[in-house]
Amino acid sequence: YHSKIMDDILSACLLRSSQKGVGDLLRGALEIILEFGILMSDLRSGQMQEYEAAGPLEDLFSAYRRKMVNLVSS
């Protein structure tokens, strides 16, 4: 559901083929943000402990940072 909504938003904003690269970067960043939200939800609900979330959180941050560096340099 979230992917379809993101596709609809990005398609409306970035219809030109020359902007496909930027659209892909934005889509990837939004997917990381959604994964972060799910991770935080798991922590809050008690499905995951803080020590278990440390690794995935670092991975998400690294991926997000790479996406933002690529987006800014585009």
PDB file of N, CA and C in Angstrom:
ATOM      1  N   TYR A   1       0.820  -1.182   0.000  1.00  0.00           N
ATOM      2  CA  TYR A   1       0.000   0.000   0.000  1.00  0.00           C
ATOM      3  C   TYR A   1       0.873   1.259   0.000  1.00  0.00           C
ATOM      4  N   HIS A   2       1.885   1.272   0.898  1.00  0.00           N
ATOM      5  CA  HIS A   2       2.760   2.444   0.980  1.00  0.00           C
ATOM      6  C   HIS A   2       3.536   2.650  -0.321  1.00  0.00           C
ATOM      7  N   SER A   3       4.002   1.575  -0.912  1.00  0.00           N
ATOM      8  CA  SER A   3       4.751   1.692  -2.170  1.00  0.00           C
ATOM      9  C   SER A   3       3.875   2.273  -3.268  1.00  0.00           C
ATOM     10  N   LYS A   4       2.610   1.861  -3.324  1.00  0.00           N
ATOM     11  CA  LYS A   4       1.717   2.397  -4.349  1.00  0.00           C
ATOM     12  C   LYS A   4       1.483   3.888  -4.144  1.00  0.00           C
ATOM     13  N   ILE A   5       1.273   4.297  -2.896  1.00  0.00           N
ATOM     14  CA  ILE A   5       1.080   5.717  -2.598  1.00  0.00           C
ATOM     15  C   ILE A   5       2.325   6.511  -2.992  1.00  0.00           C
ATOM     16  N   MET A   6       3.518   5.987  -2.635  1.00  0.00           N
ATOM     17  CA  MET A   6       4.759   6.682  -2.991  1.00  0.00           C
ATOM     18  C   MET A   6       4.906   6.773  -4.499  1.00  0.00           C
ATOM     19  N   ASP A   7       4.578   5.690  -5.207  1.00  0.00           N
ATOM     20  CA  ASP A   7       4.645   5.721  -6.671  1.00  0.00           C
ATOM     21  C   ASP A   7       3.717   6.788  -7.244  1.00  0.00           C
ATOM     22  N   ASP A   8       2.503   6.863  -6.702  1.00  0.00           N
ATOM     23  CA  ASP A   8       1.545   7.859  -7.182  1.00  0.00           C
ATOM     24  C   ASP A   8       2.048   9.281  -6.940  1.00  0.00           C
ATOM     25  N   ILE A   9       2.580   9.537  -5.739  1.00  0.00           N
ATOM     26  CA  ILE A   9       3.087  10.872  -5.410  1.00  0.00           C
ATOM     27  C   ILE A   9       4.268  11.227  -6.300  1.00  0.00           C
ATOM     28  N   LEU A  10       5.214  10.311  -6.407  1.00  0.00           N
ATOM     29  CA  LEU A  10       6.405  10.595  -7.208  1.00  0.00           C
ATOM     30  C   LEU A  10       6.072  10.714  -8.684  1.00  0.00           C
ATOM     31  N   SER A  11       5.134   9.915  -9.148  1.00  0.00           N
ATOM     32  CA  SER A  11       4.736  10.026 -10.555  1.00  0.00           C
ATOM     33  C   SER A  11       4.111  11.380 -10.828  1.00  0.00           C
ATOM     34  N   ALA A  12       3.323  11.860  -9.895  1.00  0.00           N
ATOM     35  CA  ALA A  12       2.696  13.168 -10.074  1.00  0.00           C
ATOM     36  C   ALA A  12       3.722  14.290 -10.051  1.00  0.00           C
ATOM     37  N   CYS A  13       4.751  14.136  -9.246  1.00  0.00           N
ATOM     38  CA  CYS A  13       5.757  15.193  -9.093  1.00  0.00           C
ATOM     39  C   CYS A  13       6.871  15.098 -10.136  1.00  0.00           C
ATOM     40  N   LEU A  14       7.224  13.893 -10.526  1.00  0.00           N
ATOM     41  CA  LEU A  14       8.395  13.691 -11.385  1.00  0.00           C
ATOM     42  C   LEU A  14       8.006  12.911 -12.637  1.00  0.00           C
ATOM     43  N   LEU A  15       7.284  13.528 -13.510  1.00  0.00           N
ATOM     44  CA  LEU A  15       6.809  12.845 -14.699  1.00  0.00           C
ATOM     45  C   LEU A  15       7.838  12.791 -15.823  1.00  0.00           C
ATOM     46  N   ARG A  16       8.798  13.665 -15.818  1.00  0.00           N
ATOM     47  CA  ARG A  16       9.771  13.705 -16.905  1.00  0.00           C
ATOM     48  C   ARG A  16      10.789  12.579 -16.768  1.00  0.00           C
ATOM     49  N   SER A  17      11.137  11.979 -17.886  1.00  0.00           N
ATOM     50  CA  SER A  17      12.096  10.874 -17.853  1.00  0.00           C
ATOM     51  C   SER A  17      13.479  11.333 -17.408  1.00  0.00           C
ATOM     52  N   SER A  18      13.793  12.606 -17.625  1.00  0.00           N
ATOM     53  CA  SER A  18      15.107  13.112 -17.200  1.00  0.00           C
ATOM     54  C   SER A  18      15.209  13.173 -15.680  1.00  0.00           C
ATOM     55  N   GLN A  19      14.092  13.088 -14.996  1.00  0.00           N
ATOM     56  CA  GLN A  19      14.088  13.143 -13.532  1.00  0.00           C
ATOM     57  C   GLN A  19      13.944  11.761 -12.902  1.00  0.00           C
ATOM     58  N   LYS A  20      14.053  10.718 -13.711  1.00  0.00           N
ATOM     59  CA  LYS A  20      13.880   9.358 -13.208  1.00  0.00           C
ATOM     60  C   LYS A  20      14.902   9.028 -12.134  1.00  0.00           C
ATOM     61  N   GLY A  21      16.142   9.420 -12.305  1.00  0.00           N
ATOM     62  CA  GLY A  21      17.181   9.126 -11.320  1.00  0.00           C
ATOM     63  C   GLY A  21      16.881   9.741  -9.967  1.00  0.00           C
ATOM     64  N   VAL A  22      16.465  10.987  -9.992  1.00  0.00           N
ATOM     65  CA  VAL A  22      16.121  11.675  -8.742  1.00  0.00           C
ATOM     66  C   VAL A  22      14.888  11.022  -8.119  1.00  0.00           C
ATOM     67  N   GLY A  23      13.925  10.657  -8.947  1.00  0.00           N
ATOM     68  CA  GLY A  23      12.732   9.980  -8.444  1.00  0.00           C
ATOM     69  C   GLY A  23      13.071   8.661  -7.775  1.00  0.00           C
ATOM     70  N   ASP A  24      13.988   7.915  -8.378  1.00  0.00           N
ATOM     71  CA  ASP A  24      14.416   6.645  -7.783  1.00  0.00           C
ATOM     72  C   ASP A  24      15.101   6.870  -6.440  1.00  0.00           C
ATOM     73  N   LEU A  25      15.938   7.906  -6.363  1.00  0.00           N
ATOM     74  CA  LEU A  25      16.597   8.218  -5.096  1.00  0.00           C
ATOM     75  C   LEU A  25      15.583   8.617  -4.025  1.00  0.00           C
ATOM     76  N   LEU A  26      14.609   9.433  -4.401  1.00  0.00           N
ATOM     77  CA  LEU A  26      13.572   9.828  -3.451  1.00  0.00           C
ATOM     78  C   LEU A  26      12.748   8.634  -3.000  1.00  0.00           C
ATOM     79  N   ARG A  27      12.406   7.783  -3.933  1.00  0.00           N
ATOM     80  CA  ARG A  27      11.634   6.584  -3.604  1.00  0.00           C
ATOM     81  C   ARG A  27      12.415   5.721  -2.619  1.00  0.00           C
ATOM     82  N   GLY A  28      13.693   5.550  -2.873  1.00  0.00           N
ATOM     83  CA  GLY A  28      14.534   4.764  -1.972  1.00  0.00           C
ATOM     84  C   GLY A  28      14.615   5.389  -0.585  1.00  0.00           C
ATOM     85  N   ALA A  29      14.735   6.722  -0.534  1.00  0.00           N
ATOM     86  CA  ALA A  29      14.796   7.406   0.759  1.00  0.00           C
ATOM     87  C   ALA A  29      13.483   7.245   1.519  1.00  0.00           C
ATOM     88  N   LEU A  30      12.373   7.345   0.818  1.00  0.00           N
ATOM     89  CA  LEU A  30      11.075   7.183   1.470  1.00  0.00           C
ATOM     90  C   LEU A  30      10.873   5.750   1.972  1.00  0.00           C
ATOM     91  N   GLU A  31      11.378   4.779   1.234  1.00  0.00           N
ATOM     92  CA  GLU A  31      11.296   3.387   1.685  1.00  0.00           C
ATOM     93  C   GLU A  31      12.110   3.190   2.960  1.00  0.00           C
ATOM     94  N   ILE A  32      13.274   3.815   3.035  1.00  0.00           N
ATOM     95  CA  ILE A  32      14.094   3.727   4.243  1.00  0.00           C
ATOM     96  C   ILE A  32      13.368   4.367   5.419  1.00  0.00           C
ATOM     97  N   ILE A  33      12.726   5.495   5.175  1.00  0.00           N
ATOM     98  CA  ILE A  33      11.974   6.166   6.243  1.00  0.00           C
ATOM     99  C   ILE A  33      10.832   5.274   6.730  1.00  0.00           C
ATOM    100  N   LEU A  34      10.154   4.589   5.821  1.00  0.00           N
ATOM    101  CA  LEU A  34       9.100   3.658   6.218  1.00  0.00           C
ATOM    102  C   LEU A  34       9.661   2.502   7.035  1.00  0.00           C
ATOM    103  N   GLU A  35      10.811   1.973   6.627  1.00  0.00           N
ATOM    104  CA  GLU A  35      11.444   0.901   7.385  1.00  0.00           C
ATOM    105  C   GLU A  35      11.828   1.378   8.784  1.00  0.00           C
ATOM    106  N   PHE A  36      12.284   2.619   8.890  1.00  0.00           N
ATOM    107  CA  PHE A  36      12.616   3.199  10.185  1.00  0.00           C
ATOM    108  C   PHE A  36      11.361   3.261  11.069  1.00  0.00           C
ATOM    109  N   GLY A  37      10.259   3.694  10.495  1.00  0.00           N
ATOM    110  CA  GLY A  37       9.006   3.755  11.238  1.00  0.00           C
ATOM    111  C   GLY A  37       8.568   2.391  11.745  1.00  0.00           C
ATOM    112  N   ILE A  38       8.722   1.383  10.917  1.00  0.00           N
ATOM    113  CA  ILE A  38       8.373   0.017  11.327  1.00  0.00           C
ATOM    114  C   ILE A  38       9.281  -0.448  12.452  1.00  0.00           C
ATOM    115  N   LEU A  39      10.566  -0.150  12.338  1.00  0.00           N
ATOM    116  CA  LEU A  39      11.524  -0.505  13.383  1.00  0.00           C
ATOM    117  C   LEU A  39      11.168   0.167  14.707  1.00  0.00           C
ATOM    118  N   MET A  40      10.827   1.450  14.653  1.00  0.00           N
ATOM    119  CA  MET A  40      10.448   2.171  15.875  1.00  0.00           C
ATOM    120  C   MET A  40       9.146   1.623  16.454  1.00  0.00           C
ATOM    121  N   SER A  41       8.231   1.231  15.590  1.00  0.00           N
ATOM    122  CA  SER A  41       6.976   0.627  16.045  1.00  0.00           C
ATOM    123  C   SER A  41       7.243  -0.690  16.763  1.00  0.00           C
ATOM    124  N   ASP A  42       8.141  -1.494  16.206  1.00  0.00           N
ATOM    125  CA  ASP A  42       8.505  -2.758  16.856  1.00  0.00           C
ATOM    126  C   ASP A  42       9.135  -2.520  18.224  1.00  0.00           C
ATOM    127  N   LEU A  43       9.953  -1.491  18.321  1.00  0.00           N
ATOM    128  CA  LEU A  43      10.566  -1.160  19.608  1.00  0.00           C
ATOM    129  C   LEU A  43       9.507  -0.734  20.621  1.00  0.00           C
ATOM    130  N   ARG A  44       8.643   0.137  20.202  1.00  0.00           N
ATOM    131  CA  ARG A  44       7.617   0.678  21.111  1.00  0.00           C
ATOM    132  C   ARG A  44       6.649  -0.401  21.577  1.00  0.00           C
ATOM    133  N   SER A  45       6.316  -1.323  20.690  1.00  0.00           N
ATOM    134  CA  SER A  45       5.361  -2.377  21.041  1.00  0.00           C
ATOM    135  C   SER A  45       5.999  -3.503  21.851  1.00  0.00           C
ATOM    136  N   GLY A  46       7.314  -3.483  21.961  1.00  0.00           N
ATOM    137  CA  GLY A  46       8.000  -4.524  22.718  1.00  0.00           C
ATOM    138  C   GLY A  46       8.330  -5.764  21.915  1.00  0.00           C
ATOM    139  N   GLN A  47       8.078  -5.728  20.611  1.00  0.00           N
ATOM    140  CA  GLN A  47       8.407  -6.875  19.763  1.00  0.00           C
ATOM    141  C   GLN A  47       9.906  -7.007  19.548  1.00  0.00           C
ATOM    142  N   MET A  48      10.630  -5.942  19.853  1.00  0.00           N
ATOM    143  CA  MET A  48      12.079  -5.926  19.673  1.00  0.00           C
ATOM    144  C   MET A  48      12.683  -5.134  20.824  1.00  0.00           C
ATOM    145  N   GLN A  49      13.833  -5.576  21.274  1.00  0.00           N
ATOM    146  CA  GLN A  49      14.550  -4.869  22.336  1.00  0.00           C
ATOM    147  C   GLN A  49      15.522  -3.874  21.707  1.00  0.00           C
ATOM    148  N   GLU A  50      15.928  -2.876  22.493  1.00  0.00           N
ATOM    149  CA  GLU A  50      16.834  -1.846  21.968  1.00  0.00           C
ATOM    150  C   GLU A  50      18.132  -2.441  21.442  1.00  0.00           C
ATOM    151  N   TYR A  51      18.690  -3.398  22.150  1.00  0.00           N
ATOM    152  CA  TYR A  51      19.955  -3.987  21.695  1.00  0.00           C
ATOM    153  C   TYR A  51      19.787  -4.735  20.373  1.00  0.00           C
ATOM    154  N   GLU A  52      18.593  -5.260  20.115  1.00  0.00           N
ATOM    155  CA  GLU A  52      18.335  -5.950  18.850  1.00  0.00           C
ATOM    156  C   GLU A  52      18.173  -4.963  17.698  1.00  0.00           C
ATOM    157  N   ALA A  53      17.719  -3.761  18.013  1.00  0.00           N
ATOM    158  CA  ALA A  53      17.457  -2.761  16.977  1.00  0.00           C
ATOM    159  C   ALA A  53      18.694  -1.964  16.598  1.00  0.00           C
ATOM    160  N   ALA A  54      19.750  -2.049  17.394  1.00  0.00           N
ATOM    161  CA  ALA A  54      20.939  -1.225  17.146  1.00  0.00           C
ATOM    162  C   ALA A  54      21.534  -1.482  15.760  1.00  0.00           C
ATOM    163  N   GLY A  55      21.724  -2.721  15.399  1.00  0.00           N
ATOM    164  CA  GLY A  55      22.305  -3.057  14.091  1.00  0.00           C
ATOM    165  C   GLY A  55      21.442  -2.589  12.927  1.00  0.00           C
ATOM    166  N   PRO A  56      20.154  -2.978  12.912  1.00  0.00           N
ATOM    167  CA  PRO A  56      19.292  -2.516  11.828  1.00  0.00           C
ATOM    168  C   PRO A  56      19.182  -0.992  11.758  1.00  0.00           C
ATOM    169  N   LEU A  57      19.193  -0.334  12.907  1.00  0.00           N
ATOM    170  CA  LEU A  57      19.121   1.127  12.920  1.00  0.00           C
ATOM    171  C   LEU A  57      20.366   1.740  12.281  1.00  0.00           C
ATOM    172  N   GLU A  58      21.529   1.197  12.595  1.00  0.00           N
ATOM    173  CA  GLU A  58      22.766   1.686  11.974  1.00  0.00           C
ATOM    174  C   GLU A  58      22.745   1.444  10.471  1.00  0.00           C
ATOM    175  N   ASP A  59      22.237   0.282  10.056  1.00  0.00           N
ATOM    176  CA  ASP A  59      22.149  -0.025   8.618  1.00  0.00           C
ATOM    177  C   ASP A  59      21.214   0.955   7.910  1.00  0.00           C
ATOM    178  N   LEU A  60      20.065   1.229   8.524  1.00  0.00           N
ATOM    179  CA  LEU A  60      19.119   2.179   7.927  1.00  0.00           C
ATOM    180  C   LEU A  60      19.727   3.566   7.825  1.00  0.00           C
ATOM    181  N   PHE A  61      20.433   3.982   8.865  1.00  0.00           N
ATOM    182  CA  PHE A  61      21.055   5.303   8.842  1.00  0.00           C
ATOM    183  C   PHE A  61      22.101   5.393   7.732  1.00  0.00           C
ATOM    184  N   SER A  62      22.918   4.358   7.605  1.00  0.00           N
ATOM    185  CA  SER A  62      23.943   4.360   6.551  1.00  0.00           C
ATOM    186  C   SER A  62      23.313   4.417   5.166  1.00  0.00           C
ATOM    187  N   ALA A  63      22.272   3.622   4.966  1.00  0.00           N
ATOM    188  CA  ALA A  63      21.594   3.615   3.664  1.00  0.00           C
ATOM    189  C   ALA A  63      20.955   4.970   3.386  1.00  0.00           C
ATOM    190  N   TYR A  64      20.317   5.556   4.397  1.00  0.00           N
ATOM    191  CA  TYR A  64      19.677   6.863   4.226  1.00  0.00           C
ATOM    192  C   TYR A  64      20.719   7.931   3.915  1.00  0.00           C
ATOM    193  N   ARG A  65      21.819   7.907   4.626  1.00  0.00           N
ATOM    194  CA  ARG A  65      22.879   8.893   4.401  1.00  0.00           C
ATOM    195  C   ARG A  65      23.427   8.794   2.973  1.00  0.00           C
ATOM    196  N   ARG A  66      23.632   7.570   2.488  1.00  0.00           N
ATOM    197  CA  ARG A  66      24.109   7.378   1.107  1.00  0.00           C
ATOM    198  C   ARG A  66      23.109   7.941   0.110  1.00  0.00           C
ATOM    199  N   LYS A  67      21.829   7.667   0.339  1.00  0.00           N
ATOM    200  CA  LYS A  67      20.798   8.178  -0.562  1.00  0.00           C
ATOM    201  C   LYS A  67      20.802   9.706  -0.577  1.00  0.00           C
ATOM    202  N   MET A  68      20.917  10.314   0.583  1.00  0.00           N
ATOM    203  CA  MET A  68      20.892  11.789   0.663  1.00  0.00           C
ATOM    204  C   MET A  68      22.123  12.391   0.010  1.00  0.00           C
ATOM    205  N   VAL A  69      23.282  11.778   0.184  1.00  0.00           N
ATOM    206  CA  VAL A  69      24.497  12.282  -0.469  1.00  0.00           C
ATOM    207  C   VAL A  69      24.329  12.215  -1.981  1.00  0.00           C
ATOM    208  N   ASN A  70      23.795  11.093  -2.474  1.00  0.00           N
ATOM    209  CA  ASN A  70      23.556  10.950  -3.915  1.00  0.00           C
ATOM    210  C   ASN A  70      22.510  11.933  -4.406  1.00  0.00           C
ATOM    211  N   LEU A  71      21.480  12.155  -3.634  1.00  0.00           N
ATOM    212  CA  LEU A  71      20.421  13.100  -4.031  1.00  0.00           C
ATOM    213  C   LEU A  71      20.946  14.518  -4.111  1.00  0.00           C
ATOM    214  N   VAL A  72      21.725  14.918  -3.116  1.00  0.00           N
ATOM    215  CA  VAL A  72      22.258  16.285  -3.093  1.00  0.00           C
ATOM    216  C   VAL A  72      23.252  16.485  -4.238  1.00  0.00           C
ATOM    217  N   SER A  73      24.010  15.456  -4.565  1.00  0.00           N
ATOM    218  CA  SER A  73      25.007  15.608  -5.628  1.00  0.00           C
ATOM    219  C   SER A  73      24.401  15.479  -7.024  1.00  0.00           C
ATOM    220  N   SER A  74      23.122  15.045  -7.119  1.00  0.00           N
ATOM    221  CA  SER A  74      22.473  14.890  -8.424  1.00  0.00           C
ATOM    222  C   SER A  74      22.093  16.201  -9.041  1.00  0.00           C
TER     223      SER A  74
END
